[in-house]
N, C-alpha and C. Protein backbone atom coordinates (compact mmCIF):
# COMPACT_ATOMS: atom_id res chain seq x y z
N MET A 1 -32.84 86.06 128.00
CA MET A 1 -32.21 84.78 127.71
C MET A 1 -32.99 83.68 128.41
N ASN A 2 -33.14 82.58 127.73
CA ASN A 2 -33.82 81.41 128.24
C ASN A 2 -33.11 80.90 129.50
N ILE A 3 -33.89 80.58 130.53
CA ILE A 3 -33.34 80.11 131.82
C ILE A 3 -32.52 78.84 131.64
N GLU A 4 -33.00 77.91 130.82
CA GLU A 4 -32.28 76.65 130.61
C GLU A 4 -30.91 76.89 129.96
N ILE A 5 -30.88 77.78 129.00
CA ILE A 5 -29.60 78.11 128.35
C ILE A 5 -28.66 78.75 129.36
N LYS A 6 -29.20 79.63 130.17
CA LYS A 6 -28.40 80.30 131.20
C LYS A 6 -27.80 79.27 132.17
N LYS A 7 -28.62 78.30 132.60
CA LYS A 7 -28.13 77.25 133.50
C LYS A 7 -27.05 76.41 132.82
N SER A 8 -27.28 76.08 131.55
CA SER A 8 -26.30 75.28 130.80
C SER A 8 -24.98 76.02 130.67
N LEU A 9 -25.05 77.30 130.39
CA LEU A 9 -23.83 78.10 130.28
C LEU A 9 -23.08 78.12 131.61
N SER A 10 -23.83 78.18 132.69
CA SER A 10 -23.23 78.18 134.02
C SER A 10 -22.51 76.85 134.28
N VAL A 11 -23.17 75.75 133.94
CA VAL A 11 -22.58 74.42 134.13
C VAL A 11 -21.29 74.30 133.33
N LEU A 12 -21.27 74.89 132.14
CA LEU A 12 -20.09 74.85 131.27
C LEU A 12 -19.06 75.92 131.64
N GLU A 13 -19.27 76.56 132.78
CA GLU A 13 -18.40 77.64 133.26
C GLU A 13 -18.35 78.80 132.28
N LEU A 14 -19.50 79.10 131.68
CA LEU A 14 -19.64 80.24 130.76
C LEU A 14 -20.65 81.25 131.31
N GLY A 15 -20.72 81.32 132.63
CA GLY A 15 -21.62 82.27 133.26
C GLY A 15 -21.31 83.71 132.87
N ASP A 16 -20.03 84.00 132.65
CA ASP A 16 -19.63 85.34 132.20
C ASP A 16 -20.27 85.67 130.86
N LEU A 17 -20.29 84.68 129.98
CA LEU A 17 -20.88 84.86 128.66
C LEU A 17 -22.37 85.19 128.79
N ALA A 18 -23.07 84.44 129.63
CA ALA A 18 -24.50 84.70 129.84
C ALA A 18 -24.73 86.10 130.40
N ARG A 19 -23.88 86.50 131.35
CA ARG A 19 -24.02 87.84 131.96
C ARG A 19 -23.81 88.93 130.92
N ILE A 20 -22.81 88.77 130.07
CA ILE A 20 -22.52 89.79 129.05
C ILE A 20 -23.65 89.86 128.03
N ILE A 21 -24.19 88.70 127.64
CA ILE A 21 -25.33 88.68 126.72
C ILE A 21 -26.50 89.44 127.32
N GLU A 22 -26.78 89.19 128.60
CA GLU A 22 -27.88 89.90 129.26
C GLU A 22 -27.62 91.40 129.32
N MET A 23 -26.37 91.80 129.54
CA MET A 23 -26.04 93.23 129.54
C MET A 23 -26.30 93.82 128.16
N GLN A 24 -25.92 93.09 127.11
CA GLN A 24 -26.13 93.57 125.75
C GLN A 24 -27.62 93.69 125.44
N GLU A 25 -28.41 92.75 125.93
CA GLU A 25 -29.86 92.77 125.67
C GLU A 25 -30.52 94.01 126.27
N LYS A 26 -29.95 94.52 127.35
CA LYS A 26 -30.51 95.69 128.02
C LYS A 26 -30.02 97.02 127.44
N ASP A 27 -28.97 96.96 126.62
CA ASP A 27 -28.36 98.18 126.07
C ASP A 27 -29.02 98.52 124.73
N ILE A 28 -29.86 99.55 124.73
CA ILE A 28 -30.61 99.91 123.52
C ILE A 28 -29.70 100.41 122.39
N LYS A 29 -28.49 100.84 122.73
CA LYS A 29 -27.55 101.30 121.69
C LYS A 29 -27.11 100.15 120.79
N LEU A 30 -27.25 98.92 121.27
CA LEU A 30 -26.77 97.77 120.51
C LEU A 30 -27.83 97.15 119.61
N VAL A 31 -29.06 97.62 119.72
CA VAL A 31 -30.17 97.03 118.97
C VAL A 31 -29.94 97.06 117.47
N ASP A 32 -29.37 98.13 116.96
CA ASP A 32 -29.19 98.30 115.53
C ASP A 32 -27.92 97.65 114.97
N LEU A 33 -27.11 97.06 115.84
CA LEU A 33 -25.88 96.43 115.36
C LEU A 33 -26.19 95.11 114.65
N SER A 34 -25.36 94.78 113.69
CA SER A 34 -25.51 93.50 113.00
C SER A 34 -25.15 92.36 113.95
N TYR A 35 -25.55 91.17 113.58
CA TYR A 35 -25.24 89.98 114.38
C TYR A 35 -23.73 89.86 114.56
N GLU A 36 -22.99 90.02 113.48
CA GLU A 36 -21.54 89.87 113.53
C GLU A 36 -20.90 90.90 114.46
N LYS A 37 -21.38 92.13 114.39
CA LYS A 37 -20.82 93.20 115.23
C LYS A 37 -21.13 92.94 116.70
N ARG A 38 -22.36 92.49 116.99
CA ARG A 38 -22.71 92.18 118.38
C ARG A 38 -21.91 91.02 118.92
N LEU A 39 -21.72 90.00 118.07
CA LEU A 39 -20.91 88.85 118.48
C LEU A 39 -19.48 89.29 118.75
N GLU A 40 -18.95 90.12 117.87
CA GLU A 40 -17.59 90.64 118.05
C GLU A 40 -17.47 91.41 119.37
N LEU A 41 -18.43 92.26 119.65
CA LEU A 41 -18.43 93.03 120.89
C LEU A 41 -18.53 92.11 122.10
N LEU A 42 -19.37 91.11 122.00
CA LEU A 42 -19.54 90.14 123.08
C LEU A 42 -18.22 89.43 123.37
N LEU A 43 -17.58 88.94 122.34
CA LEU A 43 -16.33 88.20 122.53
C LEU A 43 -15.20 89.10 123.00
N GLU A 44 -15.13 90.32 122.49
CA GLU A 44 -14.12 91.27 122.96
C GLU A 44 -14.28 91.54 124.45
N THR A 45 -15.52 91.72 124.88
CA THR A 45 -15.80 91.98 126.30
C THR A 45 -15.42 90.78 127.15
N LEU A 46 -15.79 89.58 126.70
CA LEU A 46 -15.49 88.36 127.44
C LEU A 46 -13.98 88.16 127.56
N ILE A 47 -13.26 88.32 126.46
CA ILE A 47 -11.80 88.17 126.48
C ILE A 47 -11.16 89.19 127.41
N GLN A 48 -11.60 90.44 127.33
CA GLN A 48 -11.03 91.49 128.18
C GLN A 48 -11.27 91.21 129.66
N GLU A 49 -12.48 90.77 130.00
CA GLU A 49 -12.77 90.47 131.40
C GLU A 49 -11.92 89.32 131.92
N ARG A 50 -11.76 88.29 131.11
CA ARG A 50 -10.96 87.15 131.54
C ARG A 50 -9.48 87.50 131.65
N GLU A 51 -8.98 88.30 130.73
CA GLU A 51 -7.59 88.75 130.82
C GLU A 51 -7.38 89.60 132.07
N ASN A 52 -8.33 90.48 132.36
CA ASN A 52 -8.22 91.32 133.56
C ASN A 52 -8.25 90.48 134.83
N ARG A 53 -9.10 89.46 134.85
CA ARG A 53 -9.18 88.57 136.00
C ARG A 53 -7.86 87.83 136.19
N LEU A 54 -7.28 87.36 135.09
CA LEU A 54 -5.99 86.67 135.16
C LEU A 54 -4.90 87.60 135.69
N ILE A 55 -4.85 88.80 135.17
CA ILE A 55 -3.85 89.78 135.62
C ILE A 55 -4.01 90.06 137.11
N ASN A 56 -5.24 90.28 137.55
CA ASN A 56 -5.48 90.54 138.97
C ASN A 56 -5.07 89.35 139.84
N ARG A 57 -5.34 88.13 139.36
CA ARG A 57 -4.95 86.94 140.11
C ARG A 57 -3.43 86.84 140.20
N LEU A 58 -2.75 87.15 139.10
CA LEU A 58 -1.29 87.08 139.11
C LEU A 58 -0.68 88.16 139.99
N ILE A 59 -1.32 89.31 140.07
CA ILE A 59 -0.83 90.37 140.97
C ILE A 59 -0.96 89.91 142.42
N LYS A 60 -2.06 89.27 142.75
CA LYS A 60 -2.28 88.80 144.13
C LYS A 60 -1.44 87.59 144.46
N ASN A 61 -1.16 86.75 143.47
CA ASN A 61 -0.41 85.50 143.69
C ASN A 61 0.72 85.40 142.67
N PRO A 62 1.81 86.11 142.89
CA PRO A 62 2.91 86.13 141.92
C PRO A 62 3.49 84.75 141.63
N GLU A 63 3.36 83.81 142.58
CA GLU A 63 3.90 82.47 142.34
C GLU A 63 3.17 81.76 141.19
N ASP A 64 1.94 82.19 140.88
CA ASP A 64 1.19 81.62 139.76
C ASP A 64 1.81 81.97 138.41
N ILE A 65 2.62 83.02 138.37
CA ILE A 65 3.26 83.42 137.11
C ILE A 65 4.16 82.29 136.62
N GLU A 66 4.93 81.69 137.52
CA GLU A 66 5.83 80.61 137.13
C GLU A 66 5.04 79.43 136.58
N VAL A 67 3.94 79.08 137.22
CA VAL A 67 3.09 77.99 136.75
C VAL A 67 2.55 78.31 135.36
N LEU A 68 2.08 79.53 135.17
CA LEU A 68 1.54 79.96 133.88
C LEU A 68 2.62 79.91 132.79
N LEU A 69 3.82 80.34 133.12
CA LEU A 69 4.92 80.30 132.16
C LEU A 69 5.28 78.87 131.80
N ASN A 70 5.29 77.98 132.78
CA ASN A 70 5.60 76.57 132.50
C ASN A 70 4.55 75.96 131.59
N ILE A 71 3.29 76.31 131.78
CA ILE A 71 2.22 75.80 130.92
C ILE A 71 2.41 76.34 129.52
N SER A 72 2.75 77.62 129.39
CA SER A 72 2.96 78.23 128.08
C SER A 72 4.11 77.56 127.34
N ILE A 73 5.18 77.24 128.07
CA ILE A 73 6.32 76.57 127.45
C ILE A 73 5.93 75.19 126.97
N LEU A 74 5.16 74.47 127.78
CA LEU A 74 4.70 73.13 127.37
C LEU A 74 3.81 73.21 126.15
N ASP A 75 2.91 74.20 126.12
CA ASP A 75 2.02 74.38 124.95
C ASP A 75 2.82 74.67 123.69
N ALA A 76 3.88 75.42 123.82
CA ALA A 76 4.69 75.79 122.67
C ALA A 76 5.42 74.57 122.09
N ARG A 77 5.71 73.60 122.94
CA ARG A 77 6.42 72.40 122.49
C ARG A 77 5.50 71.44 121.72
N ILE A 78 4.24 71.53 121.97
CA ILE A 78 3.28 70.59 121.35
C ILE A 78 3.00 70.93 119.92
């Protein structure tokens, strides 16, 4: 991956995306996958990692659950 793109992704708080792309580039099993399938795998991995991080944060800080629920309720009203 291009260094400038990697830096830009980091600035946009998408460092996880850059890391997953680099992991995919090193995995020879993924070479034969179509663009769509690789993109799907990339996004599934990114979503799973972020969900796991959120769950772990909520386990460590249960008071954040109430904040998250309040945000969800506000989003539902909009």
